[in-house]
N, C-alpha and C. Protein backbone atom coordinates (compact mmCIF):
# COMPACT_ATOMS: atom_id res chain seq x y z
N MET A 1 8.80 16.23 -67.16
CA MET A 1 7.90 15.15 -67.53
C MET A 1 6.59 15.33 -66.78
N VAL A 2 5.50 15.23 -67.48
CA VAL A 2 4.17 15.38 -66.91
C VAL A 2 3.62 14.00 -66.59
N ALA A 3 3.15 13.82 -65.35
CA ALA A 3 2.60 12.52 -64.95
C ALA A 3 1.18 12.38 -65.48
N SER A 4 0.88 11.19 -65.92
CA SER A 4 -0.47 10.94 -66.42
C SER A 4 -1.45 10.92 -65.24
N PRO A 5 -2.75 11.17 -65.51
CA PRO A 5 -3.74 11.16 -64.43
C PRO A 5 -3.76 9.82 -63.68
N SER A 6 -3.59 8.71 -64.37
CA SER A 6 -3.62 7.42 -63.69
C SER A 6 -2.42 7.25 -62.76
N ARG A 7 -1.26 7.79 -63.15
CA ARG A 7 -0.08 7.71 -62.28
C ARG A 7 -0.27 8.59 -61.04
N ARG A 8 -0.87 9.76 -61.22
CA ARG A 8 -1.13 10.63 -60.07
C ARG A 8 -2.09 9.96 -59.10
N LEU A 9 -3.14 9.32 -59.60
CA LEU A 9 -4.09 8.61 -58.74
C LEU A 9 -3.41 7.45 -58.02
N ALA A 10 -2.53 6.74 -58.72
CA ALA A 10 -1.81 5.64 -58.09
C ALA A 10 -0.91 6.16 -56.98
N ALA A 11 -0.25 7.28 -57.21
CA ALA A 11 0.63 7.86 -56.20
C ALA A 11 -0.17 8.30 -54.97
N ILE A 12 -1.33 8.89 -55.19
CA ILE A 12 -2.19 9.30 -54.08
C ILE A 12 -2.68 8.08 -53.31
N ALA A 13 -3.07 7.03 -54.02
CA ALA A 13 -3.54 5.81 -53.37
C ALA A 13 -2.44 5.16 -52.52
N LEU A 14 -1.22 5.19 -53.03
CA LEU A 14 -0.11 4.61 -52.27
C LEU A 14 0.26 5.47 -51.06
N ALA A 15 0.11 6.78 -51.18
CA ALA A 15 0.45 7.67 -50.07
C ALA A 15 -0.63 7.70 -49.01
N GLY A 16 -1.84 7.30 -49.33
CA GLY A 16 -2.95 7.34 -48.38
C GLY A 16 -2.66 6.67 -47.06
N PRO A 17 -2.20 5.40 -47.05
CA PRO A 17 -1.90 4.76 -45.76
C PRO A 17 -0.82 5.49 -44.97
N LEU A 18 0.14 6.10 -45.66
CA LEU A 18 1.18 6.85 -44.96
C LEU A 18 0.60 8.09 -44.29
N LEU A 19 -0.30 8.76 -44.98
CA LEU A 19 -0.92 9.95 -44.40
C LEU A 19 -1.76 9.58 -43.19
N ILE A 20 -2.49 8.49 -43.26
CA ILE A 20 -3.31 8.05 -42.14
C ILE A 20 -2.43 7.65 -40.98
N ALA A 21 -1.34 6.94 -41.24
CA ALA A 21 -0.44 6.48 -40.19
C ALA A 21 0.24 7.64 -39.48
N CYS A 22 0.41 8.77 -40.15
CA CYS A 22 1.10 9.90 -39.55
C CYS A 22 0.18 10.81 -38.76
N GLN A 23 -1.10 10.57 -38.79
CA GLN A 23 -2.02 11.42 -38.05
C GLN A 23 -1.77 11.27 -36.55
N PRO A 24 -1.84 12.35 -35.79
CA PRO A 24 -1.61 12.25 -34.36
C PRO A 24 -2.71 11.42 -33.70
N THR A 25 -2.33 10.75 -32.62
CA THR A 25 -3.28 9.91 -31.91
C THR A 25 -4.33 10.77 -31.25
N GLY A 26 -3.95 11.49 -30.23
CA GLY A 26 -4.88 12.36 -29.53
C GLY A 26 -5.98 11.59 -28.83
N GLY A 27 -6.76 12.30 -28.12
CA GLY A 27 -7.87 11.69 -27.39
C GLY A 27 -8.33 12.61 -26.29
N HIS A 28 -9.03 12.02 -25.34
CA HIS A 28 -9.62 12.80 -24.26
C HIS A 28 -9.54 12.02 -22.96
N VAL A 29 -9.28 12.74 -21.88
CA VAL A 29 -9.17 12.15 -20.55
C VAL A 29 -10.06 12.93 -19.61
N ALA A 30 -10.80 12.21 -18.76
CA ALA A 30 -11.67 12.87 -17.79
C ALA A 30 -11.71 12.04 -16.51
N ALA A 31 -12.05 12.70 -15.42
CA ALA A 31 -12.26 12.04 -14.13
C ALA A 31 -13.73 12.17 -13.77
N VAL A 32 -14.31 11.09 -13.27
CA VAL A 32 -15.71 11.12 -12.85
C VAL A 32 -15.80 11.83 -11.51
N ALA A 33 -16.60 12.87 -11.45
CA ALA A 33 -16.82 13.64 -10.23
C ALA A 33 -18.14 13.22 -9.61
N THR A 34 -18.08 12.72 -8.37
CA THR A 34 -19.29 12.23 -7.72
C THR A 34 -20.06 13.32 -6.98
N GLY A 35 -19.38 14.43 -6.68
CA GLY A 35 -20.05 15.49 -5.93
C GLY A 35 -20.29 15.10 -4.49
N HIS A 36 -19.60 14.08 -3.98
CA HIS A 36 -19.78 13.59 -2.62
C HIS A 36 -18.46 13.74 -1.86
N PHE A 37 -18.52 14.03 -0.57
CA PHE A 37 -17.30 14.29 0.20
C PHE A 37 -16.33 13.11 0.19
N THR A 38 -16.81 11.91 -0.02
CA THR A 38 -15.92 10.75 -0.02
C THR A 38 -14.96 10.75 -1.22
N ALA A 39 -15.29 11.51 -2.25
CA ALA A 39 -14.43 11.57 -3.44
C ALA A 39 -13.06 12.16 -3.10
N GLY A 40 -12.96 12.93 -2.06
CA GLY A 40 -11.69 13.53 -1.67
C GLY A 40 -10.69 12.54 -1.10
N HIS A 41 -11.15 11.34 -0.77
CA HIS A 41 -10.29 10.37 -0.09
C HIS A 41 -9.86 9.20 -0.97
N SER A 42 -10.22 9.21 -2.22
CA SER A 42 -9.78 8.14 -3.13
C SER A 42 -9.63 8.71 -4.54
N PHE A 43 -8.80 8.04 -5.32
CA PHE A 43 -8.63 8.48 -6.70
C PHE A 43 -9.89 8.14 -7.50
N PRO A 44 -10.18 8.93 -8.53
CA PRO A 44 -11.42 8.76 -9.28
C PRO A 44 -11.35 7.65 -10.34
N VAL A 45 -12.49 7.41 -10.94
CA VAL A 45 -12.59 6.60 -12.14
C VAL A 45 -12.24 7.52 -13.30
N LEU A 46 -11.38 7.04 -14.19
CA LEU A 46 -11.01 7.81 -15.38
C LEU A 46 -11.82 7.34 -16.57
N LEU A 47 -12.15 8.27 -17.42
CA LEU A 47 -12.74 7.98 -18.72
C LEU A 47 -11.69 8.36 -19.75
N ILE A 48 -11.28 7.40 -20.56
CA ILE A 48 -10.24 7.63 -21.56
C ILE A 48 -10.78 7.23 -22.91
N SER A 49 -10.69 8.14 -23.87
CA SER A 49 -11.05 7.81 -25.25
C SER A 49 -9.89 8.22 -26.13
N TRP A 50 -9.62 7.41 -27.15
CA TRP A 50 -8.51 7.71 -28.04
C TRP A 50 -9.02 7.79 -29.46
N CYS A 51 -8.34 8.60 -30.26
CA CYS A 51 -8.79 8.89 -31.61
C CYS A 51 -8.09 8.04 -32.67
N GLY A 52 -6.91 7.57 -32.41
CA GLY A 52 -6.19 6.78 -33.39
C GLY A 52 -6.39 5.29 -33.17
N GLU A 53 -5.53 4.52 -33.80
CA GLU A 53 -5.60 3.07 -33.69
C GLU A 53 -4.95 2.55 -32.41
N GLU A 54 -4.05 3.34 -31.83
CA GLU A 54 -3.28 2.88 -30.68
C GLU A 54 -4.02 3.16 -29.37
N PRO A 55 -4.25 2.11 -28.57
CA PRO A 55 -4.91 2.29 -27.27
C PRO A 55 -3.90 2.76 -26.21
N PRO A 56 -4.38 3.12 -25.04
CA PRO A 56 -3.46 3.53 -23.97
C PRO A 56 -2.59 2.36 -23.52
N ARG A 57 -1.31 2.66 -23.28
CA ARG A 57 -0.36 1.67 -22.75
C ARG A 57 0.16 2.09 -21.38
N GLN A 58 0.12 3.41 -21.08
CA GLN A 58 0.64 3.88 -19.80
C GLN A 58 -0.17 5.07 -19.32
N ILE A 59 -0.44 5.06 -18.01
CA ILE A 59 -1.07 6.18 -17.32
C ILE A 59 -0.09 6.63 -16.25
N ASP A 60 0.29 7.90 -16.27
CA ASP A 60 1.19 8.45 -15.26
C ASP A 60 0.39 9.34 -14.33
N LEU A 61 0.60 9.16 -13.04
CA LEU A 61 -0.06 9.95 -12.01
C LEU A 61 1.03 10.55 -11.14
N VAL A 62 1.21 11.87 -11.23
CA VAL A 62 2.31 12.52 -10.54
C VAL A 62 1.77 13.59 -9.60
N GLY A 63 2.10 13.44 -8.32
CA GLY A 63 1.76 14.43 -7.31
C GLY A 63 3.02 14.98 -6.70
N GLU A 64 2.86 15.77 -5.66
CA GLU A 64 4.02 16.36 -5.01
C GLU A 64 4.91 15.29 -4.36
N HIS A 65 4.30 14.27 -3.77
CA HIS A 65 5.06 13.26 -3.03
C HIS A 65 5.03 11.88 -3.65
N GLN A 66 4.29 11.69 -4.69
CA GLN A 66 4.24 10.36 -5.28
C GLN A 66 4.21 10.41 -6.80
N ARG A 67 4.78 9.38 -7.37
CA ARG A 67 4.84 9.23 -8.82
C ARG A 67 4.44 7.78 -9.10
N ARG A 68 3.32 7.58 -9.78
CA ARG A 68 2.82 6.23 -10.06
C ARG A 68 2.63 6.08 -11.56
N HIS A 69 2.90 4.87 -12.03
CA HIS A 69 2.75 4.55 -13.45
C HIS A 69 1.91 3.29 -13.55
N LEU A 70 0.86 3.35 -14.32
CA LEU A 70 0.05 2.18 -14.61
C LEU A 70 0.40 1.73 -16.02
N ILE A 71 0.87 0.50 -16.13
CA ILE A 71 1.29 -0.05 -17.41
C ILE A 71 0.27 -1.11 -17.82
N ALA A 72 -0.28 -0.99 -19.01
CA ALA A 72 -1.32 -1.92 -19.48
C ALA A 72 -0.73 -3.33 -19.62
N THR A 73 -1.50 -4.32 -19.18
CA THR A 73 -1.09 -5.72 -19.31
C THR A 73 -1.76 -6.39 -20.51
N ARG A 74 -2.61 -5.64 -21.21
CA ARG A 74 -3.29 -6.18 -22.39
C ARG A 74 -3.60 -5.04 -23.36
N GLU A 75 -3.98 -5.40 -24.57
CA GLU A 75 -4.40 -4.42 -25.58
C GLU A 75 -5.88 -4.11 -25.37
N PHE A 76 -6.24 -2.86 -25.42
CA PHE A 76 -7.63 -2.45 -25.29
C PHE A 76 -8.21 -2.19 -26.67
N GLU A 77 -9.50 -2.42 -26.80
CA GLU A 77 -10.19 -2.20 -28.07
C GLU A 77 -11.41 -1.32 -27.84
N GLY A 78 -11.93 -0.77 -28.92
CA GLY A 78 -13.19 -0.07 -28.84
C GLY A 78 -13.11 1.44 -28.78
N GLY A 79 -11.94 2.02 -28.58
CA GLY A 79 -11.82 3.46 -28.60
C GLY A 79 -12.04 4.16 -27.28
N SER A 80 -12.51 3.44 -26.24
CA SER A 80 -12.66 4.09 -24.94
C SER A 80 -12.66 3.03 -23.83
N ILE A 81 -12.19 3.45 -22.66
CA ILE A 81 -12.18 2.57 -21.48
C ILE A 81 -12.43 3.40 -20.24
N GLU A 82 -12.79 2.71 -19.16
CA GLU A 82 -12.88 3.30 -17.83
C GLU A 82 -11.83 2.62 -16.97
N VAL A 83 -11.12 3.41 -16.17
CA VAL A 83 -10.10 2.88 -15.28
C VAL A 83 -10.33 3.45 -13.89
N ASP A 84 -10.59 2.58 -12.92
CA ASP A 84 -10.73 3.01 -11.54
C ASP A 84 -9.32 3.16 -10.96
N LEU A 85 -8.87 4.37 -10.76
CA LEU A 85 -7.51 4.59 -10.28
C LEU A 85 -7.27 4.02 -8.89
N SER A 86 -8.29 3.92 -8.07
CA SER A 86 -8.13 3.36 -6.74
C SER A 86 -7.96 1.84 -6.78
N ALA A 87 -8.52 1.20 -7.78
CA ALA A 87 -8.45 -0.26 -7.92
C ALA A 87 -8.46 -0.61 -9.41
N PRO A 88 -7.32 -0.42 -10.10
CA PRO A 88 -7.31 -0.59 -11.56
C PRO A 88 -7.46 -2.03 -12.04
N GLY A 89 -7.27 -3.00 -11.19
CA GLY A 89 -7.49 -4.39 -11.58
C GLY A 89 -6.33 -5.01 -12.32
N GLU A 90 -6.58 -6.18 -12.88
CA GLU A 90 -5.55 -6.98 -13.53
C GLU A 90 -5.10 -6.42 -14.88
N ASP A 91 -5.81 -5.45 -15.42
CA ASP A 91 -5.44 -4.87 -16.71
C ASP A 91 -4.24 -3.94 -16.62
N TRP A 92 -3.81 -3.64 -15.40
CA TRP A 92 -2.74 -2.66 -15.20
C TRP A 92 -1.76 -3.14 -14.14
N ASP A 93 -0.45 -2.97 -14.42
CA ASP A 93 0.59 -3.11 -13.40
C ASP A 93 0.85 -1.72 -12.86
N ILE A 94 1.00 -1.60 -11.53
CA ILE A 94 1.24 -0.30 -10.91
C ILE A 94 2.68 -0.27 -10.42
N LEU A 95 3.41 0.75 -10.87
CA LEU A 95 4.82 0.90 -10.49
C LEU A 95 5.06 2.28 -9.91
N ASP A 96 6.08 2.38 -9.03
CA ASP A 96 6.47 3.70 -8.54
C ASP A 96 7.50 4.29 -9.50
N GLY A 97 8.04 5.44 -9.16
CA GLY A 97 8.99 6.12 -10.04
C GLY A 97 10.28 5.35 -10.27
N ASP A 98 10.60 4.40 -9.40
CA ASP A 98 11.80 3.58 -9.54
C ASP A 98 11.53 2.24 -10.22
N GLY A 99 10.28 1.98 -10.57
CA GLY A 99 9.94 0.72 -11.23
C GLY A 99 9.54 -0.40 -10.29
N ARG A 100 9.40 -0.10 -9.01
CA ARG A 100 8.97 -1.12 -8.04
C ARG A 100 7.45 -1.22 -8.03
N ALA A 101 6.96 -2.43 -7.80
CA ALA A 101 5.51 -2.67 -7.78
C ALA A 101 4.86 -1.95 -6.60
N VAL A 102 3.69 -1.38 -6.86
CA VAL A 102 2.88 -0.72 -5.85
C VAL A 102 1.54 -1.44 -5.84
N TYR A 103 0.99 -1.65 -4.67
CA TYR A 103 -0.23 -2.43 -4.58
C TYR A 103 -1.45 -1.63 -4.18
N ARG A 104 -1.26 -0.35 -3.89
CA ARG A 104 -2.40 0.46 -3.48
C ARG A 104 -2.19 1.89 -3.95
N LEU A 105 -3.24 2.50 -4.42
CA LEU A 105 -3.20 3.89 -4.85
C LEU A 105 -4.16 4.71 -4.00
N GLY A 106 -3.68 5.85 -3.53
CA GLY A 106 -4.54 6.75 -2.78
C GLY A 106 -3.93 8.14 -2.75
N PRO A 107 -4.76 9.15 -2.69
CA PRO A 107 -4.25 10.53 -2.67
C PRO A 107 -3.63 10.86 -1.31
N ASP A 108 -2.64 11.76 -1.32
CA ASP A 108 -2.02 12.20 -0.08
C ASP A 108 -2.96 13.12 0.69
N SER A 109 -3.67 13.98 -0.03
CA SER A 109 -4.66 14.86 0.59
C SER A 109 -5.64 15.30 -0.49
N PRO A 110 -6.84 15.70 -0.10
CA PRO A 110 -7.82 16.16 -1.10
C PRO A 110 -7.39 17.43 -1.84
N GLN A 111 -6.50 18.23 -1.25
CA GLN A 111 -6.08 19.49 -1.87
C GLN A 111 -4.90 19.32 -2.83
N GLU A 112 -4.18 18.21 -2.73
CA GLU A 112 -3.01 18.05 -3.58
C GLU A 112 -3.40 17.89 -5.04
N GLU A 113 -2.69 18.62 -5.90
CA GLU A 113 -2.95 18.52 -7.33
C GLU A 113 -2.11 17.40 -7.93
N TYR A 114 -2.72 16.68 -8.85
CA TYR A 114 -2.06 15.59 -9.55
C TYR A 114 -2.08 15.87 -11.05
N LEU A 115 -0.99 15.56 -11.69
CA LEU A 115 -0.93 15.61 -13.14
C LEU A 115 -1.10 14.18 -13.62
N LEU A 116 -2.07 13.97 -14.45
CA LEU A 116 -2.35 12.66 -15.01
C LEU A 116 -2.08 12.73 -16.50
N GLY A 117 -1.31 11.80 -17.00
CA GLY A 117 -1.01 11.74 -18.43
C GLY A 117 -1.25 10.35 -18.96
N VAL A 118 -1.83 10.26 -20.15
CA VAL A 118 -2.13 8.97 -20.77
C VAL A 118 -1.44 8.92 -22.13
N GLY A 119 -0.71 7.82 -22.36
CA GLY A 119 0.03 7.69 -23.60
C GLY A 119 -0.11 6.33 -24.24
N THR A 120 0.24 6.27 -25.51
CA THR A 120 0.13 5.02 -26.28
C THR A 120 1.38 4.16 -26.20
N ALA A 121 2.42 4.63 -25.53
CA ALA A 121 3.66 3.85 -25.40
C ALA A 121 4.09 3.84 -23.94
N ALA A 122 4.55 2.68 -23.48
CA ALA A 122 5.06 2.57 -22.12
C ALA A 122 6.52 2.99 -22.11
N ALA A 123 6.92 3.75 -21.08
CA ALA A 123 8.30 4.20 -20.93
C ALA A 123 8.96 3.38 -19.82
N GLU A 124 10.25 3.30 -19.88
CA GLU A 124 11.02 2.63 -18.82
C GLU A 124 10.95 3.49 -17.55
N PRO A 125 11.05 2.86 -16.36
CA PRO A 125 11.05 3.64 -15.11
C PRO A 125 12.12 4.72 -15.14
N GLY A 126 11.73 5.91 -14.71
CA GLY A 126 12.65 7.04 -14.69
C GLY A 126 12.69 7.84 -15.98
N GLU A 127 12.15 7.29 -17.07
CA GLU A 127 12.11 8.00 -18.34
C GLU A 127 10.79 8.74 -18.47
N GLU A 128 10.83 9.85 -19.18
CA GLU A 128 9.61 10.60 -19.44
C GLU A 128 8.78 9.88 -20.50
N ALA A 129 7.50 9.80 -20.27
CA ALA A 129 6.58 9.19 -21.23
C ALA A 129 5.87 10.28 -22.01
N GLU A 130 5.54 9.96 -23.25
CA GLU A 130 4.77 10.89 -24.06
C GLU A 130 3.29 10.67 -23.76
N HIS A 131 2.58 11.73 -23.44
CA HIS A 131 1.16 11.65 -23.13
C HIS A 131 0.35 12.09 -24.34
N ASP A 132 0.43 11.27 -25.39
CA ASP A 132 -0.17 11.65 -26.66
C ASP A 132 -1.68 11.47 -26.72
N ILE A 133 -2.27 10.80 -25.75
CA ILE A 133 -3.73 10.70 -25.71
C ILE A 133 -4.32 11.90 -24.97
N GLY A 134 -3.73 12.26 -23.84
CA GLY A 134 -4.22 13.43 -23.14
C GLY A 134 -3.66 13.57 -21.74
N THR A 135 -3.87 14.74 -21.16
CA THR A 135 -3.45 15.03 -19.79
C THR A 135 -4.60 15.68 -19.05
N LEU A 136 -4.49 15.63 -17.73
CA LEU A 136 -5.52 16.22 -16.87
C LEU A 136 -4.87 16.60 -15.56
N VAL A 137 -5.14 17.78 -15.05
CA VAL A 137 -4.70 18.20 -13.74
C VAL A 137 -5.94 18.25 -12.86
N PHE A 138 -5.85 17.58 -11.69
CA PHE A 138 -7.01 17.53 -10.80
C PHE A 138 -6.56 17.38 -9.36
N SER A 139 -7.47 17.67 -8.45
CA SER A 139 -7.32 17.30 -7.04
C SER A 139 -8.57 16.50 -6.70
N THR A 140 -8.43 15.57 -5.78
CA THR A 140 -9.62 14.78 -5.42
C THR A 140 -10.64 15.66 -4.71
N GLY A 141 -10.18 16.71 -4.04
CA GLY A 141 -11.10 17.64 -3.40
C GLY A 141 -12.00 18.34 -4.40
N ALA A 142 -11.46 18.66 -5.58
CA ALA A 142 -12.27 19.32 -6.61
C ALA A 142 -13.40 18.42 -7.09
N LEU A 143 -13.19 17.11 -7.02
CA LEU A 143 -14.21 16.18 -7.50
C LEU A 143 -15.37 16.02 -6.51
N THR A 144 -15.25 16.65 -5.34
CA THR A 144 -16.34 16.61 -4.36
C THR A 144 -17.33 17.74 -4.56
N SER A 145 -16.96 18.74 -5.36
CA SER A 145 -17.79 19.95 -5.45
C SER A 145 -18.94 19.85 -6.43
N GLU A 146 -18.81 19.03 -7.46
CA GLU A 146 -19.88 18.88 -8.46
C GLU A 146 -19.98 17.44 -8.89
N GLN A 147 -21.11 17.13 -9.52
CA GLN A 147 -21.31 15.79 -10.07
C GLN A 147 -21.24 15.88 -11.58
N GLY A 148 -20.56 14.92 -12.20
CA GLY A 148 -20.44 14.92 -13.65
C GLY A 148 -19.09 14.41 -14.06
N VAL A 149 -18.52 15.05 -15.05
CA VAL A 149 -17.23 14.66 -15.59
C VAL A 149 -16.31 15.87 -15.54
N TYR A 150 -15.12 15.68 -14.99
CA TYR A 150 -14.10 16.71 -14.93
C TYR A 150 -13.15 16.42 -16.08
N ALA A 151 -13.27 17.17 -17.16
CA ALA A 151 -12.61 16.83 -18.42
C ALA A 151 -11.58 17.88 -18.82
N SER A 152 -10.54 17.40 -19.49
CA SER A 152 -9.53 18.32 -19.99
C SER A 152 -10.12 19.16 -21.11
N VAL A 153 -9.62 20.38 -21.23
CA VAL A 153 -10.12 21.32 -22.22
C VAL A 153 -9.08 21.44 -23.32
N SER A 154 -9.42 20.97 -24.49
CA SER A 154 -8.59 21.09 -25.71
C SER A 154 -7.12 20.73 -25.49
N GLY A 155 -6.88 19.65 -24.75
CA GLY A 155 -5.53 19.13 -24.60
C GLY A 155 -4.59 19.97 -23.77
N THR A 156 -5.09 20.94 -23.02
CA THR A 156 -4.22 21.81 -22.25
C THR A 156 -3.87 21.25 -20.88
N GLY A 157 -4.60 20.25 -20.42
CA GLY A 157 -4.40 19.75 -19.06
C GLY A 157 -5.33 20.44 -18.09
N LYS A 158 -5.78 21.66 -18.42
CA LYS A 158 -6.75 22.35 -17.58
C LYS A 158 -8.09 21.66 -17.76
N ALA A 159 -8.91 21.73 -16.74
CA ALA A 159 -10.16 20.97 -16.81
C ALA A 159 -11.34 21.82 -16.36
N GLU A 160 -12.51 21.33 -16.73
CA GLU A 160 -13.77 21.95 -16.30
C GLU A 160 -14.82 20.85 -16.19
N PHE A 161 -15.87 21.14 -15.44
CA PHE A 161 -16.95 20.18 -15.27
C PHE A 161 -17.87 20.20 -16.49
N THR A 162 -18.33 19.03 -16.86
CA THR A 162 -19.27 18.90 -17.97
C THR A 162 -20.21 17.74 -17.67
N ASP A 163 -21.30 17.66 -18.39
CA ASP A 163 -22.22 16.53 -18.25
C ASP A 163 -21.60 15.28 -18.83
N ALA A 164 -21.89 14.14 -18.23
CA ALA A 164 -21.35 12.87 -18.71
C ALA A 164 -21.75 12.59 -20.14
N GLU A 165 -22.93 13.06 -20.57
CA GLU A 165 -23.41 12.82 -21.93
C GLU A 165 -22.57 13.56 -22.97
N GLU A 166 -21.85 14.61 -22.54
CA GLU A 166 -21.05 15.40 -23.47
C GLU A 166 -19.62 14.89 -23.59
N PHE A 167 -19.30 13.80 -22.89
CA PHE A 167 -17.96 13.23 -22.98
C PHE A 167 -18.00 11.89 -23.65
N PRO A 168 -17.09 11.60 -24.54
CA PRO A 168 -16.00 12.44 -25.02
C PRO A 168 -16.46 13.31 -26.18
N PRO A 169 -15.81 14.45 -26.33
CA PRO A 169 -16.07 15.25 -27.51
C PRO A 169 -15.52 14.52 -28.74
N SER A 170 -15.90 14.92 -29.90
CA SER A 170 -15.43 14.25 -31.10
C SER A 170 -13.94 14.50 -31.30
N CYS A 171 -13.32 13.58 -32.04
CA CYS A 171 -11.89 13.72 -32.32
C CYS A 171 -11.69 14.80 -33.35
C-alpha cells in the first residue's frame, strides 16, 4: 500500500516532537582562569551552558581525596549559568560521596587534578551520575598561569585556554 502525500506529511509532523526529544543534551563547561596566584587556593567560577531543554541538576567534583556533589535546589533557565564552586550559594546543596552535607569547598592542593562533571539528572549518593552536559579536568594551579576561560575541548574532558568572548561555542 502506498501512503498518500498528506499521510506522509502527517506522519513526519507527528514524529517531529519525538525526534527533537531524542536529541542529546550536550553543552559546554569551563572554569574562569584569573591568571593570579590566589586562584590556586580556591575552586573557580564555572561557566555552564546547555544545548537542550534540560538544565543542570548535578555537578560532581572528584579529586584524589574528595568527592563532592552539588545538587540543584531549583530549575535554571536561559541556557547558561555561572557557579562559584567555592561559594555556590542557596541554588545548590553540597554533599560528600556518602550523601552527608558539606558546608565548605576547597582544593587539597593547587597541583591536584579534579574531574568535574555536569549532568541533567541528580544521582543518589554512591551512584554514578551521567555527565551529559559536559566534563572538565583541571587543577587550580593551572588556573593561575593564564587569564581567560579554561574550557573543555569537544566533550573530551581535556581543556585549553580560550578568550571569554569565545565561550560557549555553538551547540
